[in-house]
N, C-alpha and C. Protein backbone atom coordinates (compact mmCIF):
# COMPACT_ATOMS: atom_id res chain seq x y z
N MET A 1 3.79 -36.51 -13.01
CA MET A 1 4.45 -35.70 -12.01
C MET A 1 3.94 -34.31 -12.02
N ALA A 2 3.67 -33.82 -10.78
CA ALA A 2 3.12 -32.44 -10.70
C ALA A 2 4.17 -31.42 -11.12
N LYS A 3 3.68 -30.37 -11.80
CA LYS A 3 4.57 -29.37 -12.12
C LYS A 3 4.79 -28.37 -10.89
N LYS A 4 6.02 -27.89 -10.84
CA LYS A 4 6.26 -26.93 -9.75
C LYS A 4 5.78 -25.53 -10.10
N VAL A 5 4.85 -24.99 -9.35
CA VAL A 5 4.31 -23.79 -9.47
C VAL A 5 4.92 -22.71 -8.40
N PHE A 6 5.34 -21.54 -8.99
CA PHE A 6 5.71 -20.55 -7.95
C PHE A 6 4.91 -19.19 -8.26
N VAL A 7 4.88 -18.36 -7.35
CA VAL A 7 4.09 -17.20 -7.49
C VAL A 7 5.04 -15.89 -7.54
N LYS A 8 4.88 -15.12 -8.51
CA LYS A 8 5.52 -13.91 -8.71
C LYS A 8 4.67 -12.80 -8.48
N VAL A 9 5.09 -11.91 -7.49
CA VAL A 9 4.21 -10.75 -7.11
C VAL A 9 4.70 -9.48 -7.91
N MET A 10 3.73 -8.85 -8.61
CA MET A 10 4.11 -7.78 -9.55
C MET A 10 3.22 -6.61 -9.44
N ASN A 11 3.72 -5.39 -9.85
CA ASN A 11 2.86 -4.19 -10.12
C ASN A 11 3.42 -3.56 -11.34
N LYS A 12 2.75 -2.57 -11.79
CA LYS A 12 3.07 -1.97 -13.10
C LYS A 12 4.41 -1.18 -13.06
N THR A 13 5.03 -1.03 -11.99
CA THR A 13 6.32 -0.28 -12.02
C THR A 13 7.50 -1.15 -12.24
N GLN A 14 7.34 -2.46 -12.32
CA GLN A 14 8.37 -3.40 -12.62
C GLN A 14 8.69 -3.42 -14.04
N SER A 15 10.01 -3.51 -14.42
CA SER A 15 10.47 -3.50 -15.75
C SER A 15 9.91 -4.57 -16.67
N ASP A 16 9.62 -5.76 -16.03
CA ASP A 16 9.08 -6.91 -16.86
C ASP A 16 7.55 -7.09 -16.82
N PHE A 17 6.97 -6.05 -16.17
CA PHE A 17 5.44 -6.14 -15.91
C PHE A 17 4.61 -6.37 -17.20
N TYR A 18 4.85 -5.73 -18.27
CA TYR A 18 3.99 -5.81 -19.45
C TYR A 18 4.50 -7.07 -20.31
N GLN A 19 5.68 -7.45 -20.14
CA GLN A 19 6.15 -8.63 -20.75
C GLN A 19 5.33 -9.87 -20.17
N VAL A 20 5.24 -9.86 -18.92
CA VAL A 20 4.54 -10.98 -18.17
C VAL A 20 3.03 -10.91 -18.24
N MET A 21 2.54 -9.64 -18.03
CA MET A 21 1.12 -9.43 -18.00
C MET A 21 0.39 -9.10 -19.33
N GLY A 22 1.14 -8.74 -20.28
CA GLY A 22 0.57 -8.37 -21.57
C GLY A 22 -0.27 -9.47 -22.19
N PRO A 23 0.16 -10.84 -22.19
CA PRO A 23 -0.67 -11.83 -22.78
C PRO A 23 -1.99 -12.01 -22.05
N PHE A 24 -2.02 -11.66 -20.73
CA PHE A 24 -3.39 -11.83 -19.96
C PHE A 24 -4.24 -10.73 -20.32
N PHE A 25 -3.66 -9.46 -20.39
CA PHE A 25 -4.40 -8.29 -20.65
C PHE A 25 -5.10 -8.42 -22.01
N GLY A 26 -4.45 -8.98 -22.96
CA GLY A 26 -4.99 -9.05 -24.34
C GLY A 26 -5.75 -10.35 -24.68
N ASN A 27 -5.91 -11.23 -23.65
CA ASN A 27 -6.60 -12.49 -23.93
C ASN A 27 -8.09 -12.46 -23.84
N ARG A 28 -8.61 -12.70 -24.96
CA ARG A 28 -10.13 -12.52 -25.06
C ARG A 28 -10.86 -13.59 -24.29
N GLN A 29 -10.28 -14.74 -24.16
CA GLN A 29 -10.89 -15.89 -23.41
C GLN A 29 -10.93 -15.51 -21.90
N MET A 30 -9.85 -14.93 -21.48
CA MET A 30 -9.71 -14.51 -20.05
C MET A 30 -10.86 -13.45 -19.79
N SER A 31 -10.98 -12.46 -20.66
CA SER A 31 -11.97 -11.40 -20.54
C SER A 31 -13.41 -12.06 -20.57
N LYS A 32 -13.69 -13.05 -21.35
CA LYS A 32 -14.95 -13.58 -21.42
C LYS A 32 -15.25 -14.40 -20.11
N GLU A 33 -14.33 -15.10 -19.73
CA GLU A 33 -14.48 -16.00 -18.50
C GLU A 33 -14.61 -15.24 -17.17
N VAL A 34 -13.75 -14.15 -17.05
CA VAL A 34 -13.69 -13.42 -15.91
C VAL A 34 -14.81 -12.34 -15.83
N GLY A 35 -15.27 -11.96 -17.04
CA GLY A 35 -16.43 -11.10 -17.17
C GLY A 35 -15.98 -9.57 -17.34
N ILE A 36 -14.73 -9.32 -17.19
CA ILE A 36 -14.26 -7.99 -17.48
C ILE A 36 -12.88 -8.04 -18.24
N GLN A 37 -12.53 -6.99 -18.81
CA GLN A 37 -11.12 -6.86 -19.47
C GLN A 37 -10.18 -6.33 -18.30
N PRO A 38 -9.22 -7.19 -17.83
CA PRO A 38 -8.30 -6.76 -16.85
C PRO A 38 -7.40 -5.65 -17.48
N PHE A 39 -6.93 -4.83 -16.57
CA PHE A 39 -6.00 -3.73 -17.06
C PHE A 39 -5.00 -3.35 -15.88
N ASP A 40 -4.08 -2.62 -16.27
CA ASP A 40 -2.96 -2.23 -15.43
C ASP A 40 -3.23 -1.13 -14.38
N ASP A 41 -4.23 -1.34 -13.57
CA ASP A 41 -4.52 -0.33 -12.53
C ASP A 41 -3.27 -0.05 -11.56
N ASP A 42 -3.18 1.20 -11.30
CA ASP A 42 -2.05 1.60 -10.46
C ASP A 42 -2.02 1.02 -9.14
N GLU A 43 -3.34 0.77 -8.56
CA GLU A 43 -3.38 0.27 -7.30
C GLU A 43 -3.46 -1.25 -7.05
N LYS A 44 -3.42 -1.95 -8.15
CA LYS A 44 -3.47 -3.39 -8.15
C LYS A 44 -2.12 -3.97 -7.87
N THR A 45 -2.05 -5.00 -7.15
CA THR A 45 -0.95 -5.92 -6.96
C THR A 45 -1.34 -7.17 -7.74
N TRP A 46 -0.53 -7.81 -8.61
CA TRP A 46 -0.69 -8.85 -9.41
C TRP A 46 0.09 -10.03 -8.83
N PHE A 47 -0.61 -11.18 -8.77
CA PHE A 47 -0.03 -12.45 -8.33
C PHE A 47 -0.08 -13.43 -9.54
N VAL A 48 1.14 -13.75 -10.02
CA VAL A 48 1.30 -14.47 -11.31
C VAL A 48 1.73 -15.89 -10.96
N SER A 49 1.05 -16.96 -11.35
CA SER A 49 1.49 -18.31 -11.25
C SER A 49 2.46 -18.64 -12.33
N MET A 50 3.62 -19.08 -12.06
CA MET A 50 4.69 -19.32 -13.05
C MET A 50 4.91 -20.97 -12.97
N ILE A 51 5.10 -21.46 -14.08
CA ILE A 51 5.71 -22.85 -14.24
C ILE A 51 6.95 -22.57 -15.10
N GLY A 52 8.08 -22.69 -14.50
CA GLY A 52 9.34 -22.41 -15.05
C GLY A 52 9.36 -20.79 -15.34
N THR A 53 9.49 -20.49 -16.53
CA THR A 53 9.53 -19.00 -16.95
C THR A 53 8.23 -18.65 -17.46
N SER A 54 7.23 -19.57 -17.57
CA SER A 54 5.95 -19.34 -18.22
C SER A 54 4.90 -18.84 -17.27
N PRO A 55 4.28 -17.70 -17.50
CA PRO A 55 3.04 -17.33 -16.59
C PRO A 55 1.87 -18.12 -17.00
N VAL A 56 1.22 -18.79 -16.03
CA VAL A 56 0.13 -19.58 -16.50
C VAL A 56 -1.31 -19.29 -15.76
N GLY A 57 -1.20 -18.38 -14.71
CA GLY A 57 -2.34 -17.94 -14.11
C GLY A 57 -2.16 -16.69 -13.33
N VAL A 58 -3.25 -15.96 -13.13
CA VAL A 58 -3.09 -14.60 -12.37
C VAL A 58 -4.36 -14.40 -11.45
N ALA A 59 -4.08 -13.51 -10.48
CA ALA A 59 -5.04 -12.93 -9.64
C ALA A 59 -4.59 -11.51 -9.34
N SER A 60 -5.44 -10.68 -8.97
CA SER A 60 -5.13 -9.33 -8.49
C SER A 60 -5.62 -9.04 -7.17
N LEU A 61 -5.02 -8.12 -6.48
CA LEU A 61 -5.47 -7.62 -5.22
C LEU A 61 -5.51 -6.10 -5.14
N LYS A 62 -6.61 -5.60 -4.80
CA LYS A 62 -6.73 -4.04 -4.59
C LYS A 62 -7.72 -3.83 -3.50
N LYS A 63 -7.18 -3.07 -2.54
CA LYS A 63 -7.99 -2.80 -1.40
C LYS A 63 -8.48 -4.01 -0.78
N SER A 64 -7.79 -5.02 -0.57
CA SER A 64 -8.11 -6.28 0.06
C SER A 64 -9.14 -7.15 -0.73
N ILE A 65 -9.40 -6.82 -1.97
CA ILE A 65 -10.32 -7.59 -2.81
C ILE A 65 -9.52 -8.38 -3.80
N VAL A 66 -9.75 -9.71 -3.78
CA VAL A 66 -9.05 -10.63 -4.78
C VAL A 66 -10.00 -10.60 -6.07
N SER A 67 -9.48 -10.36 -7.17
CA SER A 67 -10.26 -10.55 -8.38
C SER A 67 -9.39 -10.75 -9.61
N ASP A 68 -9.93 -10.75 -10.77
CA ASP A 68 -9.20 -11.05 -12.06
C ASP A 68 -8.56 -12.36 -12.01
N CYS A 69 -9.18 -13.31 -11.44
CA CYS A 69 -8.57 -14.74 -11.26
C CYS A 69 -8.88 -15.59 -12.51
N TRP A 70 -7.75 -16.09 -13.05
CA TRP A 70 -7.80 -16.83 -14.34
C TRP A 70 -6.51 -17.72 -14.43
N VAL A 71 -6.69 -19.02 -15.01
CA VAL A 71 -5.67 -19.87 -15.29
C VAL A 71 -5.89 -20.27 -16.76
N LYS A 72 -4.67 -20.37 -17.46
CA LYS A 72 -4.83 -20.80 -18.89
C LYS A 72 -5.50 -22.14 -18.92
N PRO A 73 -6.31 -22.49 -19.94
CA PRO A 73 -7.04 -23.64 -19.97
C PRO A 73 -6.06 -24.90 -20.00
N GLU A 74 -4.95 -24.80 -20.65
CA GLU A 74 -4.13 -25.98 -20.70
C GLU A 74 -3.39 -26.25 -19.26
N ASN A 75 -3.53 -25.34 -18.31
CA ASN A 75 -2.92 -25.58 -17.00
C ASN A 75 -4.02 -25.66 -15.83
N ARG A 76 -5.30 -25.92 -16.30
CA ARG A 76 -6.33 -26.11 -15.23
C ARG A 76 -6.19 -27.47 -14.66
N ASN A 77 -6.71 -27.66 -13.47
CA ASN A 77 -6.66 -28.93 -12.76
C ASN A 77 -5.23 -29.51 -12.54
N GLU A 78 -4.29 -28.50 -12.39
CA GLU A 78 -2.92 -28.86 -12.05
C GLU A 78 -2.54 -28.14 -10.68
N GLY A 79 -3.41 -27.64 -9.94
CA GLY A 79 -3.16 -27.07 -8.75
C GLY A 79 -2.60 -25.53 -8.86
N VAL A 80 -2.75 -24.99 -10.11
CA VAL A 80 -2.19 -23.66 -10.35
C VAL A 80 -2.93 -22.66 -9.56
N PHE A 81 -4.19 -22.60 -9.54
CA PHE A 81 -5.03 -21.58 -8.89
C PHE A 81 -4.97 -21.79 -7.32
N SER A 82 -4.99 -23.10 -6.94
CA SER A 82 -4.85 -23.37 -5.56
C SER A 82 -3.48 -22.83 -4.94
N SER A 83 -2.49 -22.96 -5.59
CA SER A 83 -1.12 -22.52 -5.26
C SER A 83 -1.19 -20.93 -5.09
N LEU A 84 -1.82 -20.42 -6.13
CA LEU A 84 -1.96 -18.85 -6.20
C LEU A 84 -2.70 -18.32 -4.97
N LEU A 85 -3.89 -18.88 -4.74
CA LEU A 85 -4.82 -18.43 -3.68
C LEU A 85 -4.17 -18.74 -2.30
N ASP A 86 -3.55 -19.86 -2.16
CA ASP A 86 -2.86 -20.26 -1.01
C ASP A 86 -1.76 -19.17 -0.67
N PHE A 87 -1.01 -18.79 -1.62
CA PHE A 87 0.01 -17.73 -1.46
C PHE A 87 -0.59 -16.32 -1.01
N ILE A 88 -1.64 -15.94 -1.71
CA ILE A 88 -2.29 -14.67 -1.35
C ILE A 88 -2.80 -14.71 0.15
N VAL A 89 -3.53 -15.89 0.57
CA VAL A 89 -4.13 -15.90 1.89
C VAL A 89 -3.02 -15.93 2.96
N ARG A 90 -1.86 -16.66 2.62
CA ARG A 90 -0.72 -16.75 3.62
C ARG A 90 0.08 -15.50 3.64
N ASN A 91 0.10 -14.62 2.73
CA ASN A 91 1.03 -13.62 2.58
C ASN A 91 0.36 -12.15 2.72
N THR A 92 -0.96 -12.18 3.09
CA THR A 92 -1.61 -10.93 3.34
C THR A 92 -2.26 -10.96 4.68
N ASN A 93 -2.26 -9.83 5.33
CA ASN A 93 -2.78 -9.70 6.70
C ASN A 93 -4.18 -9.02 6.74
N SER A 94 -4.61 -8.68 5.64
CA SER A 94 -5.91 -7.99 5.45
C SER A 94 -7.04 -8.86 5.60
N ASN A 95 -8.19 -8.33 5.76
CA ASN A 95 -9.55 -9.13 5.82
C ASN A 95 -9.83 -9.23 4.27
N LEU A 96 -9.43 -10.33 3.64
CA LEU A 96 -9.58 -10.56 2.20
C LEU A 96 -11.06 -10.74 1.88
N LYS A 97 -11.42 -10.16 0.72
CA LYS A 97 -12.73 -10.33 0.22
C LYS A 97 -12.37 -10.77 -1.29
N ALA A 98 -13.49 -11.29 -1.99
CA ALA A 98 -13.17 -11.77 -3.35
C ALA A 98 -14.46 -11.60 -4.26
N ASN A 99 -14.26 -11.16 -5.40
CA ASN A 99 -15.27 -11.16 -6.50
C ASN A 99 -14.90 -12.37 -7.36
N CYS A 100 -15.66 -13.39 -7.34
CA CYS A 100 -15.35 -14.52 -8.07
C CYS A 100 -16.46 -14.96 -8.93
N THR A 101 -16.16 -15.77 -10.04
CA THR A 101 -17.17 -16.31 -10.94
C THR A 101 -17.55 -17.70 -10.37
N ASN A 102 -18.61 -18.25 -10.95
CA ASN A 102 -19.01 -19.65 -10.67
C ASN A 102 -17.86 -20.67 -10.80
N MET A 103 -17.10 -20.38 -11.68
CA MET A 103 -15.88 -21.27 -11.98
C MET A 103 -14.96 -21.43 -10.91
N SER A 104 -14.79 -20.28 -10.12
CA SER A 104 -13.67 -20.22 -9.05
C SER A 104 -14.38 -20.34 -7.77
N LYS A 105 -15.63 -20.29 -7.56
CA LYS A 105 -16.30 -20.19 -6.22
C LYS A 105 -15.88 -21.42 -5.25
N SER A 106 -15.80 -22.54 -5.86
CA SER A 106 -15.46 -23.76 -5.02
C SER A 106 -14.10 -23.67 -4.45
N ILE A 107 -13.20 -23.18 -5.14
CA ILE A 107 -11.75 -23.09 -4.59
C ILE A 107 -11.64 -22.04 -3.52
N PHE A 108 -12.46 -20.96 -3.62
CA PHE A 108 -12.55 -19.95 -2.54
C PHE A 108 -13.22 -20.58 -1.31
N HIS A 109 -14.22 -21.42 -1.52
CA HIS A 109 -14.81 -22.11 -0.34
C HIS A 109 -13.76 -22.99 0.39
N PHE A 110 -12.96 -23.66 -0.48
CA PHE A 110 -11.89 -24.52 0.15
C PHE A 110 -10.89 -23.73 1.00
N PHE A 111 -10.68 -22.54 0.64
CA PHE A 111 -9.80 -21.71 1.42
C PHE A 111 -10.48 -20.84 2.41
N PHE A 112 -11.75 -21.26 2.84
CA PHE A 112 -12.48 -20.71 3.86
C PHE A 112 -13.05 -19.26 3.65
N PHE A 113 -13.33 -19.01 2.39
CA PHE A 113 -14.01 -17.71 2.04
C PHE A 113 -15.55 -18.18 2.13
N VAL A 114 -16.31 -17.33 2.73
CA VAL A 114 -17.75 -17.53 2.84
C VAL A 114 -18.51 -16.62 1.86
N GLN A 115 -19.56 -17.04 1.38
CA GLN A 115 -20.37 -16.25 0.40
C GLN A 115 -21.21 -15.18 1.19
N LYS A 116 -21.08 -13.97 0.69
CA LYS A 116 -21.74 -12.78 1.33
C LYS A 116 -22.94 -12.31 0.42
N LYS A 117 -22.76 -12.39 -0.87
CA LYS A 117 -23.72 -11.95 -1.83
C LYS A 117 -23.62 -12.58 -3.19
N GLN A 118 -24.71 -12.84 -3.78
CA GLN A 118 -24.65 -13.45 -5.16
C GLN A 118 -25.36 -12.57 -6.13
N THR A 119 -24.79 -12.34 -7.29
CA THR A 119 -25.48 -11.55 -8.35
C THR A 119 -25.45 -12.58 -9.54
N LYS A 120 -25.98 -12.08 -10.58
CA LYS A 120 -26.12 -12.92 -11.84
C LYS A 120 -24.86 -13.49 -12.26
N ASN A 121 -23.72 -12.74 -12.35
CA ASN A 121 -22.48 -13.12 -12.81
C ASN A 121 -21.34 -13.34 -11.74
N TYR A 122 -21.47 -12.87 -10.55
CA TYR A 122 -20.39 -12.89 -9.58
C TYR A 122 -20.90 -13.30 -8.25
N THR A 123 -20.00 -13.94 -7.40
CA THR A 123 -20.25 -14.18 -6.07
C THR A 123 -19.26 -13.33 -5.19
N PHE A 124 -19.75 -12.63 -4.20
CA PHE A 124 -18.86 -11.84 -3.34
C PHE A 124 -18.66 -12.59 -2.08
N MET A 125 -17.41 -12.86 -1.76
CA MET A 125 -17.08 -13.65 -0.64
C MET A 125 -16.07 -12.94 0.27
N GLU A 126 -15.97 -13.34 1.49
CA GLU A 126 -14.96 -12.87 2.46
C GLU A 126 -14.27 -14.03 3.15
N LEU A 127 -13.07 -13.83 3.45
CA LEU A 127 -12.17 -14.82 4.18
C LEU A 127 -12.58 -14.89 5.65
N ASP A 128 -12.89 -16.11 6.10
CA ASP A 128 -13.24 -16.30 7.49
C ASP A 128 -11.94 -16.86 8.10
N ARG A 129 -11.17 -15.99 8.77
CA ARG A 129 -9.87 -16.34 9.38
C ARG A 129 -10.04 -16.94 10.85
N ALA A 130 -11.33 -17.08 11.31
CA ALA A 130 -11.61 -17.51 12.61
C ALA A 130 -11.06 -19.02 12.83
């Protein structure tokens, strides 16, 4: 049976922000896979995939750019990131762009993001809302 995933929208002004986000900010595997150490940027909105009370995946949005996308290994292939990206696309009116890794590129394609530029470590994509 599929687990029910819901998305919690957060920023660093919320009282439970560090309780929820702290394990992601300090996760070495996340930093290695995403390619950077995520941090509590004042301008970022964080989208957290939750299963029950457990945070299992994240993505950030800053100036219409989706980044810092990551799902805990034990929750991959359960639709966690699809739910997260679907929520972001449906609930933002901006012209979304994304900095994604090779690991997440195919799911961005599924949500109608098109590749604009490829570097050694990242693919830069834009949402095609046409």
